Structure formats: C-alpha cells, structure tokens
Amino acid sequence: MQTVYFRLSLTAEQIRSYYEGVARQVIVRASDGRRVQFPAQWLRRFVTLEGVHGLFEMRFGDDRKLIDFQRVGD
C-alpha cells in the first residue's frame, strides 16, 4: 500500500470550475515530490463556502487503485 500526502488551497471561485464540469481532473504535487492526478469529484465532500483547504491523504493498493481519500489536517 502507498500513502500520498498533499496540501490543497482552492478558493470558492477555483472549485466552481470543477463543479461546473470545466475541469474534471485535479493535479497536485505530493509532499514527496510526486505528481498526483485524481478526479475532481473526490473533493466534493470537502468543499466549504471558502473552497477546499487542508492537508489530504490518499492511500492506494498495490494495484494503484484508491483505497481511502481523506482530509487529515489544516
């Protein structure tokens, strides 16, 4: 299993493009330097009036399929 940590700081305006379907994928730089791409729909449960902010954790199985995606800090 692999674990990837990354920070996100998206304003409400920025996250709107994901909701409107203009942007379907999010690309981030993980804390270990890896580039990680994932479907924007995974962020929906973390959206607030201010946007999406915080430290996130993604865990993948050996087959590279997502096991867990959660916010773990500010």
PDB file of N, CA and C in Angstrom:
ATOM      1  N   MET A   1       0.845  -1.179   0.000  1.00  0.00           N
ATOM      2  CA  MET A   1       0.000   0.000   0.000  1.00  0.00           C
ATOM      3  C   MET A   1       0.890   1.241   0.000  1.00  0.00           C
ATOM      4  N   GLN A   2       0.473   2.256  -0.728  1.00  0.00           N
ATOM      5  CA  GLN A   2       1.179   3.531  -0.785  1.00  0.00           C
ATOM      6  C   GLN A   2       0.301   4.623  -0.196  1.00  0.00           C
ATOM      7  N   THR A   3       0.936   5.565   0.489  1.00  0.00           N
ATOM      8  CA  THR A   3       0.239   6.715   1.043  1.00  0.00           C
ATOM      9  C   THR A   3       0.862   7.975   0.484  1.00  0.00           C
ATOM     10  N   VAL A   4       0.019   8.889   0.044  1.00  0.00           N
ATOM     11  CA  VAL A   4       0.459  10.155  -0.534  1.00  0.00           C
ATOM     12  C   VAL A   4      -0.199  11.286   0.244  1.00  0.00           C
ATOM     13  N   TYR A   5       0.605  12.274   0.629  1.00  0.00           N
ATOM     14  CA  TYR A   5       0.089  13.461   1.320  1.00  0.00           C
ATOM     15  C   TYR A   5       0.279  14.678   0.426  1.00  0.00           C
ATOM     16  N   PHE A   6      -0.704  15.577   0.446  1.00  0.00           N
ATOM     17  CA  PHE A   6      -0.579  16.826  -0.306  1.00  0.00           C
ATOM     18  C   PHE A   6      -1.456  17.891   0.327  1.00  0.00           C
ATOM     19  N   ARG A   7      -1.097  19.130   0.083  1.00  0.00           N
ATOM     20  CA  ARG A   7      -1.877  20.276   0.560  1.00  0.00           C
ATOM     21  C   ARG A   7      -2.668  20.849  -0.598  1.00  0.00           C
ATOM     22  N   LEU A   8      -3.889  21.288  -0.284  1.00  0.00           N
ATOM     23  CA  LEU A   8      -4.734  21.966  -1.264  1.00  0.00           C
ATOM     24  C   LEU A   8      -5.212  23.277  -0.676  1.00  0.00           C
ATOM     25  N   SER A   9      -5.248  24.271  -1.516  1.00  0.00           N
ATOM     26  CA  SER A   9      -5.807  25.557  -1.131  1.00  0.00           C
ATOM     27  C   SER A   9      -6.494  26.129  -2.363  1.00  0.00           C
ATOM     28  N   LEU A  10      -7.759  25.778  -2.527  1.00  0.00           N
ATOM     29  CA  LEU A  10      -8.556  26.228  -3.660  1.00  0.00           C
ATOM     30  C   LEU A  10      -9.657  27.154  -3.157  1.00  0.00           C
ATOM     31  N   THR A  11      -9.766  28.319  -3.766  1.00  0.00           N
ATOM     32  CA  THR A  11     -10.814  29.259  -3.394  1.00  0.00           C
ATOM     33  C   THR A  11     -12.163  28.753  -3.900  1.00  0.00           C
ATOM     34  N   ALA A  12     -13.223  29.375  -3.428  1.00  0.00           N
ATOM     35  CA  ALA A  12     -14.566  29.010  -3.892  1.00  0.00           C
ATOM     36  C   ALA A  12     -14.683  29.206  -5.401  1.00  0.00           C
ATOM     37  N   GLU A  13     -14.066  30.259  -5.925  1.00  0.00           N
ATOM     38  CA  GLU A  13     -14.091  30.508  -7.378  1.00  0.00           C
ATOM     39  C   GLU A  13     -13.373  29.389  -8.133  1.00  0.00           C
ATOM     40  N   GLN A  14     -12.237  28.968  -7.621  1.00  0.00           N
ATOM     41  CA  GLN A  14     -11.483  27.909  -8.287  1.00  0.00           C
ATOM     42  C   GLN A  14     -12.240  26.587  -8.267  1.00  0.00           C
ATOM     43  N   ILE A  15     -12.850  26.262  -7.158  1.00  0.00           N
ATOM     44  CA  ILE A  15     -13.556  24.987  -7.054  1.00  0.00           C
ATOM     45  C   ILE A  15     -14.824  24.983  -7.905  1.00  0.00           C
ATOM     46  N   ARG A  16     -15.359  26.146  -8.191  1.00  0.00           N
ATOM     47  CA  ARG A  16     -16.566  26.245  -9.037  1.00  0.00           C
ATOM     48  C   ARG A  16     -16.328  25.623 -10.411  1.00  0.00           C
ATOM     49  N   SER A  17     -15.148  25.779 -10.985  1.00  0.00           N
ATOM     50  CA  SER A  17     -14.878  25.208 -12.313  1.00  0.00           C
ATOM     51  C   SER A  17     -14.976  23.686 -12.288  1.00  0.00           C
ATOM     52  N   TYR A  18     -14.657  23.077 -11.146  1.00  0.00           N
ATOM     53  CA  TYR A  18     -14.806  21.629 -11.028  1.00  0.00           C
ATOM     54  C   TYR A  18     -16.276  21.242 -10.946  1.00  0.00           C
ATOM     55  N   TYR A  19     -17.061  22.020 -10.217  1.00  0.00           N
ATOM     56  CA  TYR A  19     -18.487  21.744 -10.098  1.00  0.00           C
ATOM     57  C   TYR A  19     -19.210  21.932 -11.421  1.00  0.00           C
ATOM     58  N   GLU A  20     -18.768  22.903 -12.200  1.00  0.00           N
ATOM     59  CA  GLU A  20     -19.407  23.183 -13.488  1.00  0.00           C
ATOM     60  C   GLU A  20     -18.951  22.224 -14.580  1.00  0.00           C
ATOM     61  N   GLY A  21     -18.003  21.368 -14.274  1.00  0.00           N
ATOM     62  CA  GLY A  21     -17.538  20.391 -15.255  1.00  0.00           C
ATOM     63  C   GLY A  21     -16.476  20.908 -16.194  1.00  0.00           C
ATOM     64  N   VAL A  22     -16.032  22.147 -16.011  1.00  0.00           N
ATOM     65  CA  VAL A  22     -14.988  22.712 -16.863  1.00  0.00           C
ATOM     66  C   VAL A  22     -13.677  21.956 -16.637  1.00  0.00           C
ATOM     67  N   ALA A  23     -13.372  21.678 -15.392  1.00  0.00           N
ATOM     68  CA  ALA A  23     -12.178  20.912 -15.042  1.00  0.00           C
ATOM     69  C   ALA A  23     -12.627  19.607 -14.397  1.00  0.00           C
ATOM     70  N   ARG A  24     -12.146  18.506 -14.901  1.00  0.00           N
ATOM     71  CA  ARG A  24     -12.581  17.206 -14.375  1.00  0.00           C
ATOM     72  C   ARG A  24     -11.512  16.517 -13.539  1.00  0.00           C
ATOM     73  N   GLN A  25     -10.279  16.912 -13.715  1.00  0.00           N
ATOM     74  CA  GLN A  25      -9.164  16.302 -13.001  1.00  0.00           C
ATOM     75  C   GLN A  25      -8.427  17.352 -12.173  1.00  0.00           C
ATOM     76  N   VAL A  26      -7.920  16.934 -11.038  1.00  0.00           N
ATOM     77  CA  VAL A  26      -7.096  17.778 -10.189  1.00  0.00           C
ATOM     78  C   VAL A  26      -5.689  17.206 -10.241  1.00  0.00           C
ATOM     79  N   ILE A  27      -4.706  18.073 -10.429  1.00  0.00           N
ATOM     80  CA  ILE A  27      -3.309  17.647 -10.431  1.00  0.00           C
ATOM     81  C   ILE A  27      -2.602  18.381  -9.310  1.00  0.00           C
ATOM     82  N   VAL A  28      -1.961  17.624  -8.429  1.00  0.00           N
ATOM     83  CA  VAL A  28      -1.276  18.207  -7.284  1.00  0.00           C
ATOM     84  C   VAL A  28       0.143  17.654  -7.198  1.00  0.00           C
ATOM     85  N   ARG A  29       0.973  18.365  -6.464  1.00  0.00           N
ATOM     86  CA  ARG A  29       2.332  17.896  -6.164  1.00  0.00           C
ATOM     87  C   ARG A  29       2.306  17.376  -4.729  1.00  0.00           C
ATOM     88  N   ALA A  30       2.597  16.106  -4.557  1.00  0.00           N
ATOM     89  CA  ALA A  30       2.600  15.485  -3.232  1.00  0.00           C
ATOM     90  C   ALA A  30       3.792  15.978  -2.423  1.00  0.00           C
ATOM     91  N   SER A  31       3.732  15.773  -1.122  1.00  0.00           N
ATOM     92  CA  SER A  31       4.799  16.231  -0.236  1.00  0.00           C
ATOM     93  C   SER A  31       6.133  15.566  -0.552  1.00  0.00           C
ATOM     94  N   ASP A  32       6.113  14.393  -1.180  1.00  0.00           N
ATOM     95  CA  ASP A  32       7.359  13.717  -1.556  1.00  0.00           C
ATOM     96  C   ASP A  32       7.808  14.065  -2.979  1.00  0.00           C
ATOM     97  N   GLY A  33       7.109  15.022  -3.614  1.00  0.00           N
ATOM     98  CA  GLY A  33       7.503  15.493  -4.937  1.00  0.00           C
ATOM     99  C   GLY A  33       6.785  14.830  -6.097  1.00  0.00           C
ATOM    100  N   ARG A  34       6.052  13.765  -5.848  1.00  0.00           N
ATOM    101  CA  ARG A  34       5.326  13.093  -6.931  1.00  0.00           C
ATOM    102  C   ARG A  34       4.175  13.949  -7.426  1.00  0.00           C
ATOM    103  N   ARG A  35       3.863  13.814  -8.696  1.00  0.00           N
ATOM    104  CA  ARG A  35       2.700  14.456  -9.296  1.00  0.00           C
ATOM    105  C   ARG A  35       1.559  13.461  -9.220  1.00  0.00           C
ATOM    106  N   VAL A  36       0.424  13.905  -8.660  1.00  0.00           N
ATOM    107  CA  VAL A  36      -0.729  13.025  -8.478  1.00  0.00           C
ATOM    108  C   VAL A  36      -1.935  13.650  -9.172  1.00  0.00           C
ATOM    109  N   GLN A  37      -2.651  12.841  -9.931  1.00  0.00           N
ATOM    110  CA  GLN A  37      -3.840  13.303 -10.640  1.00  0.00           C
ATOM    111  C   GLN A  37      -5.016  12.455 -10.180  1.00  0.00           C
ATOM    112  N   PHE A  38      -6.152  13.117  -9.923  1.00  0.00           N
ATOM    113  CA  PHE A  38      -7.337  12.383  -9.485  1.00  0.00           C
ATOM    114  C   PHE A  38      -8.594  13.124  -9.938  1.00  0.00           C
ATOM    115  N   PRO A  39      -9.737  12.417 -10.012  1.00  0.00           N
ATOM    116  CA  PRO A  39     -10.996  13.040 -10.413  1.00  0.00           C
ATOM    117  C   PRO A  39     -11.433  14.104  -9.407  1.00  0.00           C
ATOM    118  N   ALA A  40     -11.868  15.228  -9.917  1.00  0.00           N
ATOM    119  CA  ALA A  40     -12.297  16.348  -9.074  1.00  0.00           C
ATOM    120  C   ALA A  40     -13.467  15.966  -8.166  1.00  0.00           C
ATOM    121  N   GLN A  41     -14.258  15.011  -8.569  1.00  0.00           N
ATOM    122  CA  GLN A  41     -15.427  14.613  -7.764  1.00  0.00           C
ATOM    123  C   GLN A  41     -15.023  14.124  -6.375  1.00  0.00           C
ATOM    124  N   TRP A  42     -13.790  13.678  -6.186  1.00  0.00           N
ATOM    125  CA  TRP A  42     -13.344  13.226  -4.875  1.00  0.00           C
ATOM    126  C   TRP A  42     -13.293  14.362  -3.862  1.00  0.00           C
ATOM    127  N   LEU A  43     -13.285  15.602  -4.327  1.00  0.00           N
ATOM    128  CA  LEU A  43     -13.202  16.746  -3.421  1.00  0.00           C
ATOM    129  C   LEU A  43     -14.557  17.228  -2.928  1.00  0.00           C
ATOM    130  N   ARG A  44     -15.612  16.782  -3.512  1.00  0.00           N
ATOM    131  CA  ARG A  44     -16.943  17.332  -3.209  1.00  0.00           C
ATOM    132  C   ARG A  44     -17.285  17.339  -1.729  1.00  0.00           C
ATOM    133  N   ARG A  45     -16.947  16.306  -1.022  1.00  0.00           N
ATOM    134  CA  ARG A  45     -17.315  16.256   0.401  1.00  0.00           C
ATOM    135  C   ARG A  45     -16.487  17.190   1.277  1.00  0.00           C
ATOM    136  N   PHE A  46     -15.446  17.810   0.702  1.00  0.00           N
ATOM    137  CA  PHE A  46     -14.583  18.714   1.466  1.00  0.00           C
ATOM    138  C   PHE A  46     -14.813  20.193   1.143  1.00  0.00           C
ATOM    139  N   VAL A  47     -15.744  20.480   0.252  1.00  0.00           N
ATOM    140  CA  VAL A  47     -15.988  21.857  -0.178  1.00  0.00           C
ATOM    141  C   VAL A  47     -16.751  22.624   0.901  1.00  0.00           C
ATOM    142  N   THR A  48     -16.247  23.827   1.213  1.00  0.00           N
ATOM    143  CA  THR A  48     -16.920  24.739   2.139  1.00  0.00           C
ATOM    144  C   THR A  48     -17.193  26.044   1.390  1.00  0.00           C
ATOM    145  N   LEU A  49     -17.777  27.002   2.049  1.00  0.00           N
ATOM    146  CA  LEU A  49     -18.014  28.304   1.424  1.00  0.00           C
ATOM    147  C   LEU A  49     -16.707  28.993   1.030  1.00  0.00           C
ATOM    148  N   GLU A  50     -15.616  28.641   1.702  1.00  0.00           N
ATOM    149  CA  GLU A  50     -14.306  29.240   1.410  1.00  0.00           C
ATOM    150  C   GLU A  50     -13.537  28.470   0.339  1.00  0.00           C
ATOM    151  N   GLY A  51     -14.023  27.314  -0.065  1.00  0.00           N
ATOM    152  CA  GLY A  51     -13.337  26.492  -1.062  1.00  0.00           C
ATOM    153  C   GLY A  51     -12.915  25.168  -0.463  1.00  0.00           C
ATOM    154  N   VAL A  52     -11.726  24.706  -0.826  1.00  0.00           N
ATOM    155  CA  VAL A  52     -11.171  23.459  -0.292  1.00  0.00           C
ATOM    156  C   VAL A  52      -9.768  23.758   0.200  1.00  0.00           C
ATOM    157  N   HIS A  53      -9.533  23.506   1.471  1.00  0.00           N
ATOM    158  CA  HIS A  53      -8.235  23.812   2.070  1.00  0.00           C
ATOM    159  C   HIS A  53      -7.854  22.704   3.034  1.00  0.00           C
ATOM    160  N   GLY A  54      -6.567  22.399   3.085  1.00  0.00           N
ATOM    161  CA  GLY A  54      -6.101  21.456   4.095  1.00  0.00           C
ATOM    162  C   GLY A  54      -5.045  20.503   3.594  1.00  0.00           C
ATOM    163  N   LEU A  55      -4.659  19.621   4.497  1.00  0.00           N
ATOM    164  CA  LEU A  55      -3.721  18.548   4.208  1.00  0.00           C
ATOM    165  C   LEU A  55      -4.544  17.293   3.959  1.00  0.00           C
ATOM    166  N   PHE A  56      -4.259  16.619   2.859  1.00  0.00           N
ATOM    167  CA  PHE A  56      -5.024  15.445   2.462  1.00  0.00           C
ATOM    168  C   PHE A  56      -4.128  14.227   2.367  1.00  0.00           C
ATOM    169  N   GLU A  57      -4.757  13.073   2.559  1.00  0.00           N
ATOM    170  CA  GLU A  57      -4.057  11.800   2.475  1.00  0.00           C
ATOM    171  C   GLU A  57      -4.806  10.904   1.503  1.00  0.00           C
ATOM    172  N   MET A  58      -4.064  10.283   0.606  1.00  0.00           N
ATOM    173  CA  MET A  58      -4.631   9.297  -0.311  1.00  0.00           C
ATOM    174  C   MET A  58      -3.874   7.998  -0.096  1.00  0.00           C
ATOM    175  N   ARG A  59      -4.607   6.901   0.011  1.00  0.00           N
ATOM    176  CA  ARG A  59      -3.973   5.594   0.133  1.00  0.00           C
ATOM    177  C   ARG A  59      -4.393   4.729  -1.040  1.00  0.00           C
ATOM    178  N   PHE A  60      -3.373   4.085  -1.640  1.00  0.00           N
ATOM    179  CA  PHE A  60      -3.580   3.243  -2.810  1.00  0.00           C
ATOM    180  C   PHE A  60      -3.129   1.821  -2.514  1.00  0.00           C
ATOM    181  N   GLY A  61      -3.801   0.869  -3.129  1.00  0.00           N
ATOM    182  CA  GLY A  61      -3.375  -0.523  -3.043  1.00  0.00           C
ATOM    183  C   GLY A  61      -2.220  -0.769  -4.000  1.00  0.00           C
ATOM    184  N   ASP A  62      -1.690  -1.961  -3.968  1.00  0.00           N
ATOM    185  CA  ASP A  62      -0.589  -2.325  -4.862  1.00  0.00           C
ATOM    186  C   ASP A  62      -1.007  -2.259  -6.327  1.00  0.00           C
ATOM    187  N   ASP A  63      -2.297  -2.371  -6.581  1.00  0.00           N
ATOM    188  CA  ASP A  63      -2.821  -2.273  -7.950  1.00  0.00           C
ATOM    189  C   ASP A  63      -3.060  -0.826  -8.367  1.00  0.00           C
ATOM    190  N   ARG A  64      -2.652   0.144  -7.515  1.00  0.00           N
ATOM    191  CA  ARG A  64      -2.764   1.587  -7.749  1.00  0.00           C
ATOM    192  C   ARG A  64      -4.207   2.095  -7.714  1.00  0.00           C
ATOM    193  N   LYS A  65      -5.112   1.308  -7.172  1.00  0.00           N
ATOM    194  CA  LYS A  65      -6.499   1.747  -7.009  1.00  0.00           C
ATOM    195  C   LYS A  65      -6.655   2.414  -5.653  1.00  0.00           C
ATOM    196  N   LEU A  66      -7.483   3.442  -5.638  1.00  0.00           N
ATOM    197  CA  LEU A  66      -7.694   4.216  -4.423  1.00  0.00           C
ATOM    198  C   LEU A  66      -8.401   3.380  -3.349  1.00  0.00           C
ATOM    199  N   ILE A  67      -7.834   3.412  -2.152  1.00  0.00           N
ATOM    200  CA  ILE A  67      -8.429   2.740  -1.008  1.00  0.00           C
ATOM    201  C   ILE A  67      -9.122   3.752  -0.112  1.00  0.00           C
ATOM    202  N   ASP A  68      -8.472   4.913   0.099  1.00  0.00           N
ATOM    203  CA  ASP A  68      -9.011   5.917   1.012  1.00  0.00           C
ATOM    204  C   ASP A  68      -8.526   7.304   0.606  1.00  0.00           C
ATOM    205  N   PHE A  69      -9.376   8.301   0.791  1.00  0.00           N
ATOM    206  CA  PHE A  69      -9.060   9.693   0.490  1.00  0.00           C
ATOM    207  C   PHE A  69      -9.678  10.521   1.605  1.00  0.00           C
ATOM    208  N   GLN A  70      -8.853  11.212   2.375  1.00  0.00           N
ATOM    209  CA  GLN A  70      -9.406  11.989   3.484  1.00  0.00           C
ATOM    210  C   GLN A  70      -8.567  13.226   3.788  1.00  0.00           C
ATOM    211  N   ARG A  71      -9.229  14.165   4.443  1.00  0.00           N
ATOM    212  CA  ARG A  71      -8.552  15.362   4.930  1.00  0.00           C
ATOM    213  C   ARG A  71      -8.003  15.025   6.308  1.00  0.00           C
ATOM    214  N   VAL A  72      -6.711  15.282   6.518  1.00  0.00           N
ATOM    215  CA  VAL A  72      -6.084  14.896   7.786  1.00  0.00           C
ATOM    216  C   VAL A  72      -5.571  16.082   8.591  1.00  0.00           C
ATOM    217  N   GLY A  73      -5.729  17.302   8.081  1.00  0.00           N
ATOM    218  CA  GLY A  73      -5.293  18.468   8.832  1.00  0.00           C
ATOM    219  C   GLY A  73      -5.536  19.761   8.082  1.00  0.00           C
ATOM    220  N   ASP A  74      -5.207  20.840   8.763  1.00  0.00           N
ATOM    221  CA  ASP A  74      -5.392  22.178   8.174  1.00  0.00           C
ATOM    222  C   ASP A  74      -4.216  22.582   7.315  1.00  0.00           C
TER     223      ASP A  74
END
